Amino acid sequence: MSNSSIILFDNAAEENSDPSVENQGAEIPLDVPNRLGSLEAVLSHLQNMGFMSLGSMHRNYLGIFVRWVGRADHVESAPNGSIPRNMHDGPSACNIFGLAKSDRLFQGDWIGLASHHLGVAIGDGMLYVSWDGATEVDHWEVEVLGDDVSFYIVSQVITTGFETEIGLSSQPLQDSPIRPVEVLQVRR
């Protein structure tokens, strides 16, 4: 898989009136300089089913993951195109609350790394930092620029969620160039 690929989920079953239509996930590598794309991989449901407007397809470092929403099914492909998993995770049943189903029943180590820079806002003596999706940020450090053109740590705050508030209590700190730094640390 190249970094210039389109990964898409085709729900294909708008009204579910054509039994031959099924959902599928597709990967389309792009040749950007030549403005060309070609279908490289198609992942279909194990039982060739179609679900109205449901499902998703995501790329991760292991390959592609397709989730057939509304069913406890998923497909995973490896980077070489092979399909190590194409499965139904468990029974589905209907009760008075609607469809009861199992979801993905297993999970290995997972680290969420955001694909964008952290978000920062300053206001009312507070520094607000956010890096949605970064599961491994253990704590935040605020550094201030000193007279010797070096940065010094002036505050450390343990991360309790995706967004953190850091108090900027002293006036010199509020008037100095600052930079928030995320500290990535594997939590086990």
Protein backbone atom coordinates (compact mmCIF):
# COMPACT_ATOMS: atom_id res chain seq x y z
CA MET A 1 0.00 0.00 0.00
CA SER A 2 1.38 3.36 -0.92
CA ASN A 3 0.71 6.57 0.98
CA SER A 4 -1.09 7.95 -2.04
CA SER A 5 -3.98 5.50 -2.08
CA ILE A 6 -7.70 6.00 -1.77
CA ILE A 7 -9.29 3.61 0.70
CA LEU A 8 -13.07 3.56 0.40
CA PHE A 9 -16.12 1.66 1.52
CA ASP A 10 -18.87 1.16 -1.08
CA ASN A 11 -22.18 0.48 0.67
CA ALA A 12 -23.68 -0.52 -2.73
CA ALA A 13 -27.00 -1.59 -1.25
CA GLU A 14 -28.93 1.65 -1.09
CA GLU A 15 -32.38 0.07 -0.97
CA ASN A 16 -31.28 -3.54 -0.62
CA SER A 17 -33.63 -4.39 -3.50
CA ASP A 18 -31.02 -6.11 -5.67
CA PRO A 19 -29.71 -9.27 -4.00
CA SER A 20 -26.71 -9.37 -6.34
CA VAL A 21 -25.39 -6.05 -4.98
CA GLU A 22 -23.02 -6.38 -2.05
CA ASN A 23 -20.89 -4.11 0.09
CA GLN A 24 -17.19 -3.98 -0.55
CA GLY A 25 -14.08 -2.15 0.49
CA ALA A 26 -11.62 -1.04 -2.16
CA GLU A 27 -8.07 0.25 -2.36
CA ILE A 28 -7.10 2.46 -5.29
CA PRO A 29 -3.42 3.41 -5.49
CA LEU A 30 -2.86 6.76 -7.18
CA ASP A 31 -0.22 7.78 -9.68
CA VAL A 32 -0.47 11.47 -8.78
CA PRO A 33 1.96 12.89 -11.40
CA ASN A 34 0.10 11.09 -14.20
CA ARG A 35 -3.35 11.57 -12.62
CA LEU A 36 -4.14 7.87 -12.78
CA GLY A 37 -5.67 5.41 -10.36
CA SER A 38 -6.24 1.68 -10.57
CA LEU A 39 -8.20 -0.77 -8.46
CA GLU A 40 -5.70 -2.89 -6.54
CA ALA A 41 -7.74 -4.71 -3.89
CA VAL A 42 -11.41 -5.43 -3.24
CA LEU A 43 -12.56 -6.87 0.08
CA SER A 44 -16.04 -8.36 0.09
CA HIS A 45 -18.28 -9.65 2.84
CA LEU A 46 -17.83 -13.32 3.72
CA GLN A 47 -21.49 -14.04 2.90
CA ASN A 48 -21.79 -11.46 0.06
CA MET A 49 -24.17 -9.29 2.05
CA GLY A 50 -25.25 -5.71 1.56
CA PHE A 51 -26.00 -3.26 4.39
CA MET A 52 -27.61 0.09 3.79
CA SER A 53 -25.16 2.96 4.42
CA LEU A 54 -23.19 1.01 6.98
CA GLY A 55 -19.61 -0.11 7.26
CA SER A 56 -16.16 1.36 7.19
CA MET A 57 -12.71 0.64 5.87
CA HIS A 58 -9.49 1.75 7.52
CA ARG A 59 -5.81 1.34 6.81
CA ASN A 60 -3.42 0.46 9.62
CA TYR A 61 0.19 -0.67 9.72
CA LEU A 62 -0.92 -4.31 9.36
CA GLY A 63 -2.95 -3.72 6.20
CA ILE A 64 -6.62 -2.86 5.74
CA PHE A 65 -9.47 -3.45 8.18
CA VAL A 66 -13.08 -3.53 6.96
CA ARG A 67 -15.92 -3.52 9.47
CA TRP A 68 -19.35 -4.58 8.27
CA VAL A 69 -21.56 -2.53 10.61
CA GLY A 70 -24.86 -4.12 11.54
CA ARG A 71 -23.22 -7.55 11.64
CA ALA A 72 -20.44 -8.94 13.82
CA ASP A 73 -18.25 -9.43 10.76
CA HIS A 74 -14.94 -8.04 9.60
CA VAL A 75 -12.22 -8.59 7.02
CA GLU A 76 -8.54 -7.84 7.45
CA SER A 77 -6.00 -7.85 4.66
CA ALA A 78 -2.22 -7.99 5.00
CA PRO A 79 0.09 -5.53 3.20
CA ASN A 80 0.87 -8.22 0.61
CA GLY A 81 -2.85 -8.50 -0.28
CA SER A 82 -3.53 -11.83 1.44
CA ILE A 83 -6.59 -12.14 3.69
CA PRO A 84 -5.57 -13.49 7.13
CA ARG A 85 -9.08 -12.88 8.56
CA ASN A 86 -12.51 -12.88 6.97
CA MET A 87 -14.88 -13.81 9.72
CA HIS A 88 -18.07 -13.55 11.68
CA ASP A 89 -17.25 -12.93 15.36
CA GLY A 90 -20.22 -14.54 17.01
CA PRO A 91 -23.95 -14.97 17.17
CA SER A 92 -26.42 -12.23 16.40
CA ALA A 93 -29.85 -12.23 17.97
CA CYS A 94 -32.86 -9.97 18.19
CA ASN A 95 -34.52 -8.95 21.43
CA ILE A 96 -36.97 -6.24 22.54
CA PHE A 97 -34.18 -3.64 22.34
CA GLY A 98 -33.29 -4.51 18.74
CA LEU A 99 -30.41 -6.42 17.21
CA ALA A 100 -27.94 -7.76 19.77
CA LYS A 101 -24.60 -8.68 18.32
CA SER A 102 -21.02 -9.28 19.24
CA ASP A 103 -18.30 -7.06 17.93
CA ARG A 104 -14.60 -7.66 17.36
CA LEU A 105 -13.65 -9.96 20.22
CA PHE A 106 -9.89 -9.64 20.18
CA GLN A 107 -7.37 -6.85 20.26
CA GLY A 108 -3.62 -6.76 20.23
CA ASP A 109 -1.42 -3.92 21.37
CA TRP A 110 -2.64 -0.72 19.76
CA ILE A 111 -1.11 2.72 19.78
CA GLY A 112 -3.04 5.67 18.39
CA LEU A 113 -0.81 8.26 16.78
CA ALA A 114 -2.46 11.41 15.53
CA SER A 115 -1.73 12.36 11.93
CA HIS A 116 -1.89 16.08 12.71
CA HIS A 117 -0.13 18.48 15.06
CA LEU A 118 -1.42 19.00 18.56
CA GLY A 119 -4.04 21.64 19.15
CA VAL A 120 -3.16 24.52 21.47
CA ALA A 121 -5.16 27.47 22.78
CA ILE A 122 -4.28 30.02 25.44
CA GLY A 123 -6.85 32.01 27.38
CA ASP A 124 -7.63 33.26 30.88
CA GLY A 125 -4.33 32.07 32.34
CA MET A 126 -4.81 28.55 30.95
CA LEU A 127 -3.09 26.58 28.23
CA TYR A 128 -5.41 24.06 26.57
CA VAL A 129 -3.75 21.19 24.69
CA SER A 130 -5.32 18.40 22.67
CA TRP A 131 -4.06 15.66 20.45
CA ASP A 132 -7.08 13.54 19.58
CA GLY A 133 -6.26 9.92 18.99
CA ALA A 134 -2.87 9.95 20.71
CA THR A 135 -3.35 7.14 23.21
CA GLU A 136 0.25 7.12 24.38
CA VAL A 137 0.59 10.70 25.64
CA ASP A 138 1.43 10.15 29.30
CA HIS A 139 1.84 13.79 30.32
CA TRP A 140 2.30 17.27 28.94
CA GLU A 141 5.23 19.57 29.62
CA VAL A 142 5.20 23.33 29.17
CA GLU A 143 8.54 24.86 28.33
CA VAL A 144 9.43 28.54 28.50
CA LEU A 145 12.15 30.33 26.57
CA GLY A 146 14.89 31.54 28.93
CA ASP A 147 17.29 34.44 28.58
CA ASP A 148 20.01 32.11 27.25
CA VAL A 149 17.76 31.08 24.31
CA SER A 150 17.15 27.64 25.85
CA PHE A 151 13.79 26.18 26.77
CA TYR A 152 13.13 25.16 30.38
CA ILE A 153 10.35 22.95 31.75
CA VAL A 154 8.06 25.04 33.96
CA SER A 155 5.05 22.76 34.25
CA GLN A 156 4.17 19.08 33.91
CA VAL A 157 0.62 17.73 33.90
CA ILE A 158 -0.48 14.09 33.76
CA THR A 159 -2.80 13.41 30.82
CA THR A 160 -6.28 12.35 31.91
CA GLY A 161 -8.02 12.40 28.53
CA PHE A 162 -7.68 13.76 25.02
CA GLU A 163 -7.79 17.36 26.25
CA THR A 164 -5.80 18.83 29.13
CA GLU A 165 -5.89 22.20 30.89
CA ILE A 166 -2.60 23.56 32.21
CA GLY A 167 -2.63 26.58 34.51
CA LEU A 168 -0.25 29.41 33.62
CA SER A 169 -0.18 30.98 37.06
CA SER A 170 2.83 33.31 37.03
CA GLN A 171 2.89 36.58 35.07
CA PRO A 172 6.43 36.02 33.67
CA LEU A 173 5.29 32.67 32.31
CA GLN A 174 2.28 34.26 30.63
CA ASP A 175 4.47 36.90 28.98
CA SER A 176 7.21 34.54 27.75
CA PRO A 177 7.36 32.48 24.59
CA ILE A 178 6.11 29.03 25.59
CA ARG A 179 5.73 25.72 23.86
CA PRO A 180 3.69 22.70 24.96
CA VAL A 181 5.44 19.38 24.51
CA GLU A 182 3.67 16.03 24.52
CA VAL A 183 5.58 13.25 26.22
CA LEU A 184 5.00 9.91 24.55
CA GLN A 185 5.46 7.01 26.86
CA VAL A 186 4.17 3.48 26.41
CA ARG A 187 1.67 2.62 29.11
CA ARG A 188 1.39 -1.08 29.86
